[in-house]
Structures are given as C-alpha cells and as structure tokens.
Amino acid sequence: MNTNKPLVSIVMGSDSDLEVMSDSAKVFEEFGVAFEMTVASAHRAPSVVHAYATGAVDRGIKVIIAAAGGAAHLAGVCASLTTLPVIGVPVKAKTLDGLDSLLSTVGMPPGVPVATVGINAAKNAGILAIQILALSDSDLNEKFIAYKNKMSSEVEAKGKKLEEIGYKNYLAK
C-alpha cells in the first residue's frame, strides 16, 4: 500500500496529546500507510469536528483514530457523524490517571461503537487500524503477517536467552 493519499486520520482534542499520538503515526510510517493528523476539540470547536468527521469519507479516509483526555468525547462524536470505524485513544489527563478518559471513550450507547484501546495506547490504535486496512489489501496483510512473526521471534529469543543465562544475568544487561 504505497499511496500518498491518506487512508487513516488521527485527530486529537489538544496538541498536548501529540506526544502520545505520535506512536500511531510511527506505526503508519513503518507500514507505509499515508495518514493525516490534526487537532479538533469536541467541546471547544464542535463545528470543526463536525466538518472533519463528515468529510472523512470524501477525503478517502478508511479509519479514524480519535484521542482525547478528561471528558473524552471526541471519538464518540466522530463515530456519531460517520460510518467509518473509529478507534478511540483515551489520553491520561491531569486527574484520575486517565480513568475518566477511558470511561468517556468506551462508554458509547448502542449503535455508536468506538473501538477503544488502553490509556495512552496509541501504538495499539495504529496496529488495529493496520489490521482493518489489511482486510482489503493483500500487500498490507503480508506486511502485517511479517510484523506478527517478527514479534513472536523476538519473544522466543528473549525466552531462550533468559533460560540460558538466568534471570540475574538477564537483568544485569
């Protein structure tokens, strides 16, 4: 999938979420998937979010990743405005260690689903978006299979090393 046209959109409620959301961007760069990224607040700029979400299909977007902290309604608002799959990333805010963000993102009413990853788990959101896109792209699917195989090999190598040198030497390195 070597297209310059963005297939995934990353939107965050504040630029303070950018550090977390850069992990999604890195996944797309690794897989060669074009993406767009912007800031739009469900509470402070609802008309911007409305235009953004309702225009996503026309822009060629296939998956939206929406991240917000606190009263994290961005993913839900996006999901209410589009037929595209929306992945929510609850961002750890200054209070409640992100639990408020998690509950706000995951607590959607019937008919308006948001696939929600863990708090600050933007990498998993990126990987989930890749899995969704790979359903209809055999080249991307092959890349994803290779990615999973590499992860498995790395874990096996770590287990073998631990067994060979023991936990004390493993921790010392």
Protein backbone atom coordinates (compact mmCIF):
# COMPACT_ATOMS: atom_id res chain seq x y z
CA MET A 1 0.00 0.00 0.00
CA ASN A 2 2.15 2.81 -1.27
CA THR A 3 -0.31 5.61 -1.70
CA ASN A 4 0.23 9.24 -0.90
CA LYS A 5 -3.49 9.67 -0.24
CA PRO A 6 -4.20 9.40 3.49
CA LEU A 7 -6.19 6.31 4.48
CA VAL A 8 -6.16 6.93 8.21
CA SER A 9 -6.95 10.10 10.08
CA ILE A 10 -5.54 10.86 13.51
CA VAL A 11 -7.41 13.57 15.36
CA MET A 12 -6.73 14.71 18.89
CA GLY A 13 -8.58 17.04 21.20
CA SER A 14 -5.47 19.07 22.04
CA ASP A 15 -1.92 19.47 20.82
CA SER A 16 -0.88 18.26 24.28
CA ASP A 17 -1.97 14.79 23.04
CA LEU A 18 0.56 14.86 20.20
CA GLU A 19 3.36 13.10 22.06
CA VAL A 20 1.06 10.14 22.78
CA MET A 21 -0.42 10.10 19.28
CA SER A 22 2.97 10.14 17.60
CA ASP A 23 3.04 6.41 18.37
CA SER A 24 0.18 5.86 15.91
CA ALA A 25 1.97 7.92 13.28
CA LYS A 26 5.12 5.82 13.71
CA VAL A 27 3.12 2.63 13.05
CA PHE A 28 1.78 4.06 9.78
CA GLU A 29 5.24 5.15 8.73
CA GLU A 30 6.57 1.66 9.47
CA PHE A 31 3.87 0.07 7.30
CA GLY A 32 3.97 2.72 4.55
CA VAL A 33 0.39 3.85 5.10
CA ALA A 34 -0.38 7.51 4.44
CA PHE A 35 -2.20 9.37 7.20
CA GLU A 36 -3.40 12.81 8.13
CA MET A 37 -3.20 14.34 11.59
CA THR A 38 -4.99 17.30 13.13
CA VAL A 39 -6.31 18.87 16.33
CA ALA A 40 -10.05 19.36 16.78
CA SER A 41 -11.89 19.59 20.09
CA ALA A 42 -15.37 18.10 20.50
CA HIS A 43 -16.10 20.70 23.19
CA ARG A 44 -14.14 23.80 22.15
CA ALA A 45 -14.62 23.54 18.37
CA PRO A 46 -17.60 21.27 17.64
CA SER A 47 -18.20 22.71 14.17
CA VAL A 48 -14.61 21.81 13.23
CA VAL A 49 -15.12 18.23 14.44
CA HIS A 50 -18.40 18.02 12.54
CA ALA A 51 -16.81 19.13 9.26
CA TYR A 52 -13.79 16.89 9.84
CA ALA A 53 -15.79 13.72 10.58
CA THR A 54 -18.49 14.19 7.95
CA GLY A 55 -15.86 14.92 5.29
CA ALA A 56 -13.59 11.96 6.09
CA VAL A 57 -15.13 9.56 3.55
CA ASP A 58 -14.82 12.16 0.77
CA ARG A 59 -11.14 12.60 1.69
CA GLY A 60 -10.62 8.84 1.17
CA ILE A 61 -10.19 8.04 4.84
CA LYS A 62 -10.90 4.42 5.84
CA VAL A 63 -10.30 4.57 9.61
CA ILE A 64 -10.36 7.41 12.15
CA ILE A 65 -8.28 7.37 15.32
CA ALA A 66 -9.56 9.93 17.83
CA ALA A 67 -7.72 10.76 21.04
CA ALA A 68 -8.76 12.92 23.94
CA GLY A 69 -8.30 13.26 27.67
CA GLY A 70 -10.64 14.16 30.50
CA ALA A 71 -14.24 14.22 29.32
CA ALA A 72 -13.01 12.43 26.20
CA HIS A 73 -15.95 12.73 23.82
CA LEU A 74 -14.03 13.22 20.58
CA ALA A 75 -14.09 9.59 19.44
CA GLY A 76 -17.79 9.25 20.21
CA VAL A 77 -18.69 12.45 18.41
CA CYS A 78 -16.69 11.31 15.37
CA ALA A 79 -18.38 7.90 15.47
CA SER A 80 -21.81 9.57 15.59
CA LEU A 81 -21.01 11.56 12.44
CA THR A 82 -19.52 8.91 10.14
CA THR A 83 -19.92 5.32 9.01
CA LEU A 84 -16.16 4.74 9.22
CA PRO A 85 -14.64 2.64 12.00
CA VAL A 86 -13.43 4.87 14.83
CA ILE A 87 -10.71 3.85 17.25
CA GLY A 88 -10.61 5.81 20.49
CA VAL A 89 -7.43 6.51 22.42
CA PRO A 90 -8.14 7.70 25.95
CA VAL A 91 -5.33 10.05 26.96
CA LYS A 92 -4.09 10.28 30.53
CA ALA A 93 -5.03 13.73 31.78
CA LYS A 94 -4.02 15.56 34.93
CA THR A 95 -6.63 13.87 37.13
CA LEU A 96 -7.77 10.31 37.69
CA ASP A 97 -4.79 8.80 35.80
CA GLY A 98 -6.82 8.68 32.59
CA LEU A 99 -9.64 6.60 34.01
CA ASP A 100 -12.08 9.43 33.21
CA SER A 101 -10.82 9.44 29.62
CA LEU A 102 -11.14 5.67 29.34
CA LEU A 103 -14.70 5.61 30.66
CA SER A 104 -15.73 8.54 28.45
CA THR A 105 -14.31 6.86 25.35
CA VAL A 106 -15.54 3.33 25.96
CA GLY A 107 -18.99 4.24 27.29
CA MET A 108 -20.85 4.58 24.00
CA PRO A 109 -24.57 3.98 23.51
CA PRO A 110 -25.86 1.10 21.37
CA GLY A 111 -25.45 1.80 17.67
CA VAL A 112 -22.48 4.16 18.02
CA PRO A 113 -19.48 1.90 18.64
CA VAL A 114 -15.95 3.10 19.28
CA ALA A 115 -13.18 0.53 19.37
CA THR A 116 -11.23 1.67 22.41
CA VAL A 117 -7.62 0.83 23.25
CA GLY A 118 -5.91 1.33 26.60
CA ILE A 119 -4.95 4.64 28.14
CA ASN A 120 -2.22 6.28 26.02
CA ALA A 121 -2.11 3.14 23.83
CA ALA A 122 -1.77 4.98 20.51
CA LYS A 123 0.55 2.30 19.13
CA ASN A 124 -2.20 -0.30 19.56
CA ALA A 125 -4.66 2.05 17.85
CA GLY A 126 -2.28 2.26 14.90
CA ILE A 127 -1.88 -1.51 14.79
CA LEU A 128 -5.65 -2.01 14.94
CA ALA A 129 -6.08 0.42 12.04
CA ILE A 130 -3.48 -1.56 10.06
CA GLN A 131 -5.42 -4.77 10.76
CA ILE A 132 -8.63 -3.16 9.50
CA LEU A 133 -6.95 -1.87 6.33
CA ALA A 134 -5.21 -5.21 5.74
CA LEU A 135 -8.59 -6.92 5.35
CA SER A 136 -8.87 -5.40 1.87
CA ASP A 137 -5.19 -5.02 0.95
CA SER A 138 -3.15 -8.18 0.39
CA ASP A 139 0.21 -6.36 0.36
CA LEU A 140 -0.52 -4.73 3.68
CA ASN A 141 -1.75 -8.06 5.02
CA GLU A 142 1.59 -9.65 4.10
CA LYS A 143 3.43 -6.84 5.90
CA PHE A 144 1.25 -7.36 8.94
CA ILE A 145 1.87 -11.11 8.97
CA ALA A 146 5.62 -10.42 8.83
CA TYR A 147 5.24 -7.92 11.71
CA LYS A 148 3.46 -10.53 13.86
CA ASN A 149 6.05 -13.18 13.01
CA LYS A 150 8.87 -10.79 13.95
CA MET A 151 7.22 -10.06 17.31
CA SER A 152 6.89 -13.76 18.00
CA SER A 153 10.53 -14.42 17.10
CA GLU A 154 11.71 -11.60 19.37
CA VAL A 155 9.76 -13.02 22.32
CA GLU A 156 11.09 -16.53 21.67
CA ALA A 157 14.66 -15.19 21.55
CA LYS A 158 14.19 -13.38 24.86
CA GLY A 159 12.79 -16.51 26.50
CA LYS A 160 15.69 -18.59 25.23
CA LYS A 161 18.24 -16.03 26.43
CA LEU A 162 16.62 -15.90 29.88
CA GLU A 163 16.69 -19.69 30.12
CA GLU A 164 20.36 -19.80 29.06
CA ILE A 165 21.83 -17.07 31.26
CA GLY A 166 19.40 -16.94 34.19
CA TYR A 167 17.37 -14.05 35.50
CA LYS A 168 20.20 -12.29 37.40
CA ASN A 169 22.44 -12.07 34.35
CA TYR A 170 19.46 -11.13 32.19
CA LEU A 171 18.60 -8.24 34.50
CA ALA A 172 22.24 -7.14 34.70
CA LYS A 173 22.32 -6.44 30.95
